[in-house]
């Protein structure tokens, strides 16, 4: 299990500790008891278990950025994959910005990376 203080990477996502949340966010809904921090087209999502002291938010302006708030006890950021799995990250209480990897398509458009 990996621990970090300010910045960590798990596969195609980067998580950074921040001081404050922006105003342009909306609360994300958990799916089957988990917040999907980063989707994978193959179903190998990066997730945090739903808890009362953990909330996830989406940016209303940028679908490549999300926010995670852990209030009381550390949360585990896990990768759903049976093999070549990214190491679980222990997320300490705090506020975090999640950067989802970007890529350029053949037309020059920037989009969320396809895993």
C-alpha atoms as a PDB file:
ATOM      1  CA  UNK A   1       0.000   0.000   0.000  1.00  0.00           C
ATOM      2  CA  UNK A   2       1.291   3.418  -0.954  1.00  0.00           C
ATOM      3  CA  UNK A   3       1.084   6.471   1.326  1.00  0.00           C
ATOM      4  CA  UNK A   4       1.620  10.089   0.282  1.00  0.00           C
ATOM      5  CA  UNK A   5       1.506  13.605   1.664  1.00  0.00           C
ATOM      6  CA  UNK A   6       0.795  15.935  -1.263  1.00  0.00           C
ATOM      7  CA  UNK A   7       0.919  14.176  -4.662  1.00  0.00           C
ATOM      8  CA  UNK A   8       0.409  10.605  -5.860  1.00  0.00           C
ATOM      9  CA  UNK A   9      -0.194   8.826  -9.149  1.00  0.00           C
ATOM     10  CA  UNK A  10      -2.192   5.674  -9.782  1.00  0.00           C
ATOM     11  CA  UNK A  11      -2.066   4.609 -13.405  1.00  0.00           C
ATOM     12  CA  UNK A  12      -3.707   7.289 -15.540  1.00  0.00           C
ATOM     13  CA  UNK A  13      -4.727   9.583 -12.676  1.00  0.00           C
ATOM     14  CA  UNK A  14      -2.911  12.096 -10.492  1.00  0.00           C
ATOM     15  CA  UNK A  15      -4.178  13.116  -7.044  1.00  0.00           C
ATOM     16  CA  UNK A  16      -2.998  16.391  -5.469  1.00  0.00           C
ATOM     17  CA  UNK A  17      -3.747  17.749  -1.988  1.00  0.00           C
ATOM     18  CA  UNK A  18      -5.382  21.216  -2.131  1.00  0.00           C
ATOM     19  CA  UNK A  19      -6.439  23.813   0.442  1.00  0.00           C
ATOM     20  CA  UNK A  20      -9.907  24.720  -0.834  1.00  0.00           C
ATOM     21  CA  UNK A  21     -12.522  23.391  -3.219  1.00  0.00           C
ATOM     22  CA  UNK A  22     -13.588  25.535  -6.175  1.00  0.00           C
ATOM     23  CA  UNK A  23     -17.134  26.887  -6.426  1.00  0.00           C
ATOM     24  CA  UNK A  24     -18.015  25.207  -9.735  1.00  0.00           C
ATOM     25  CA  UNK A  25     -18.426  21.630  -8.489  1.00  0.00           C
ATOM     26  CA  UNK A  26     -21.347  19.241  -8.133  1.00  0.00           C
ATOM     27  CA  UNK A  27     -21.517  16.257  -5.826  1.00  0.00           C
ATOM     28  CA  UNK A  28     -20.915  12.934  -7.567  1.00  0.00           C
ATOM     29  CA  UNK A  29     -23.172   9.973  -6.956  1.00  0.00           C
ATOM     30  CA  UNK A  30     -21.647   6.688  -5.814  1.00  0.00           C
ATOM     31  CA  UNK A  31     -22.230   3.590  -7.939  1.00  0.00           C
ATOM     32  CA  UNK A  32     -22.826   0.335  -6.043  1.00  0.00           C
ATOM     33  CA  UNK A  33     -21.215   1.722  -2.879  1.00  0.00           C
ATOM     34  CA  UNK A  34     -18.165   3.253  -4.572  1.00  0.00           C
ATOM     35  CA  UNK A  35     -17.127   6.599  -5.989  1.00  0.00           C
ATOM     36  CA  UNK A  36     -15.599   6.039  -9.398  1.00  0.00           C
ATOM     37  CA  UNK A  37     -12.622   8.390  -9.296  1.00  0.00           C
ATOM     38  CA  UNK A  38     -11.471   7.428 -12.794  1.00  0.00           C
ATOM     39  CA  UNK A  39     -13.440   5.335 -15.273  1.00  0.00           C
ATOM     40  CA  UNK A  40     -11.867   2.642 -17.370  1.00  0.00           C
ATOM     41  CA  UNK A  41     -13.524   1.524 -20.571  1.00  0.00           C
ATOM     42  CA  UNK A  42     -12.482  -2.035 -19.690  1.00  0.00           C
ATOM     43  CA  UNK A  43     -14.198  -1.871 -16.272  1.00  0.00           C
ATOM     44  CA  UNK A  44     -10.963  -1.572 -14.273  1.00  0.00           C
ATOM     45  CA  UNK A  45     -12.019   1.609 -12.480  1.00  0.00           C
ATOM     46  CA  UNK A  46     -10.096   3.511  -9.808  1.00  0.00           C
ATOM     47  CA  UNK A  47     -12.471   3.753  -6.844  1.00  0.00           C
ATOM     48  CA  UNK A  48     -12.966   4.871  -3.248  1.00  0.00           C
ATOM     49  CA  UNK A  49     -15.609   3.186  -1.092  1.00  0.00           C
ATOM     50  CA  UNK A  50     -18.644   5.297  -0.237  1.00  0.00           C
ATOM     51  CA  UNK A  51     -18.612   6.437   3.395  1.00  0.00           C
ATOM     52  CA  UNK A  52     -20.291   9.216   5.352  1.00  0.00           C
ATOM     53  CA  UNK A  53     -16.979  11.060   5.760  1.00  0.00           C
ATOM     54  CA  UNK A  54     -15.915  10.715   2.088  1.00  0.00           C
ATOM     55  CA  UNK A  55     -17.388  12.813  -0.743  1.00  0.00           C
ATOM     56  CA  UNK A  56     -16.511  13.149  -4.390  1.00  0.00           C
ATOM     57  CA  UNK A  57     -17.300  16.102  -6.634  1.00  0.00           C
ATOM     58  CA  UNK A  58     -17.176  16.688 -10.377  1.00  0.00           C
ATOM     59  CA  UNK A  59     -16.116  19.948 -11.972  1.00  0.00           C
ATOM     60  CA  UNK A  60     -18.964  21.531 -13.910  1.00  0.00           C
ATOM     61  CA  UNK A  61     -16.417  23.037 -16.345  1.00  0.00           C
ATOM     62  CA  UNK A  62     -13.885  20.241 -16.916  1.00  0.00           C
ATOM     63  CA  UNK A  63     -14.698  16.515 -17.090  1.00  0.00           C
ATOM     64  CA  UNK A  64     -10.985  15.735 -16.711  1.00  0.00           C
ATOM     65  CA  UNK A  65     -10.937  17.035 -13.128  1.00  0.00           C
ATOM     66  CA  UNK A  66     -12.685  15.716 -10.021  1.00  0.00           C
ATOM     67  CA  UNK A  67     -12.387  16.441  -6.298  1.00  0.00           C
ATOM     68  CA  UNK A  68     -12.231  14.085  -3.355  1.00  0.00           C
ATOM     69  CA  UNK A  69     -12.837  15.068   0.271  1.00  0.00           C
ATOM     70  CA  UNK A  70     -11.851  12.710   3.088  1.00  0.00           C
ATOM     71  CA  UNK A  71     -13.003  14.141   6.412  1.00  0.00           C
ATOM     72  CA  UNK A  72     -12.142  11.836   9.313  1.00  0.00           C
ATOM     73  CA  UNK A  73     -10.359   8.586   8.589  1.00  0.00           C
ATOM     74  CA  UNK A  74      -8.072   7.658   5.733  1.00  0.00           C
ATOM     75  CA  UNK A  75      -9.702   6.175   2.645  1.00  0.00           C
ATOM     76  CA  UNK A  76      -8.300   3.647   0.197  1.00  0.00           C
ATOM     77  CA  UNK A  77      -8.030   4.436  -3.498  1.00  0.00           C
ATOM     78  CA  UNK A  78      -8.170   1.044  -5.208  1.00  0.00           C
ATOM     79  CA  UNK A  79      -7.842  -0.205  -8.758  1.00  0.00           C
ATOM     80  CA  UNK A  80     -10.319  -2.881  -9.877  1.00  0.00           C
ATOM     81  CA  UNK A  81      -8.168  -5.333 -11.751  1.00  0.00           C
ATOM     82  CA  UNK A  82      -7.145  -8.896 -10.956  1.00  0.00           C
ATOM     83  CA  UNK A  83      -3.690  -8.661 -12.575  1.00  0.00           C
ATOM     84  CA  UNK A  84      -1.141  -5.879 -13.120  1.00  0.00           C
ATOM     85  CA  UNK A  85      -3.118  -3.899 -10.613  1.00  0.00           C
ATOM     86  CA  UNK A  86      -1.946  -0.458  -9.510  1.00  0.00           C
ATOM     87  CA  UNK A  87      -0.948  -0.341  -5.866  1.00  0.00           C
ATOM     88  CA  UNK A  88      -3.667   0.821  -3.454  1.00  0.00           C
ATOM     89  CA  UNK A  89      -3.149   4.383  -2.195  1.00  0.00           C
ATOM     90  CA  UNK A  90      -3.951   5.421   1.363  1.00  0.00           C
ATOM     91  CA  UNK A  91      -5.636   8.863   1.198  1.00  0.00           C
ATOM     92  CA  UNK A  92      -5.329  10.839   4.441  1.00  0.00           C
ATOM     93  CA  UNK A  93      -8.055  13.236   5.588  1.00  0.00           C
ATOM     94  CA  UNK A  94      -8.032  16.359   3.415  1.00  0.00           C
ATOM     95  CA  UNK A  95      -9.170  17.843   0.124  1.00  0.00           C
ATOM     96  CA  UNK A  96      -7.806  16.610  -3.201  1.00  0.00           C
ATOM     97  CA  UNK A  97      -7.979  17.468  -6.885  1.00  0.00           C
ATOM     98  CA  UNK A  98      -7.922  14.464  -9.210  1.00  0.00           C
ATOM     99  CA  UNK A  99      -6.450  14.954 -12.676  1.00  0.00           C
ATOM    100  CA  UNK A 100      -7.546  12.373 -15.202  1.00  0.00           C
ATOM    101  CA  UNK A 101      -5.057  11.677 -17.960  1.00  0.00           C
ATOM    102  CA  UNK A 102      -5.668  13.507 -21.211  1.00  0.00           C
ATOM    103  CA  UNK A 103      -4.850  12.521 -24.749  1.00  0.00           C
ATOM    104  CA  UNK A 104      -5.183  14.065 -28.175  1.00  0.00           C
ATOM    105  CA  UNK A 105      -7.300  12.233 -30.742  1.00  0.00           C
ATOM    106  CA  UNK A 106      -6.524  12.026 -34.466  1.00  0.00           C
ATOM    107  CA  UNK A 107      -8.458  15.278 -35.041  1.00  0.00           C
ATOM    108  CA  UNK A 108      -6.429  17.225 -32.463  1.00  0.00           C
ATOM    109  CA  UNK A 109      -9.204  17.264 -29.856  1.00  0.00           C
ATOM    110  CA  UNK A 110      -8.262  16.802 -26.192  1.00  0.00           C
ATOM    111  CA  UNK A 111     -10.238  14.106 -24.379  1.00  0.00           C
ATOM    112  CA  UNK A 112     -10.006  11.825 -21.353  1.00  0.00           C
ATOM    113  CA  UNK A 113      -7.467   9.083 -22.041  1.00  0.00           C
ATOM    114  CA  UNK A 114      -8.963   5.764 -23.087  1.00  0.00           C
ATOM    115  CA  UNK A 115      -7.577   3.083 -20.799  1.00  0.00           C
END
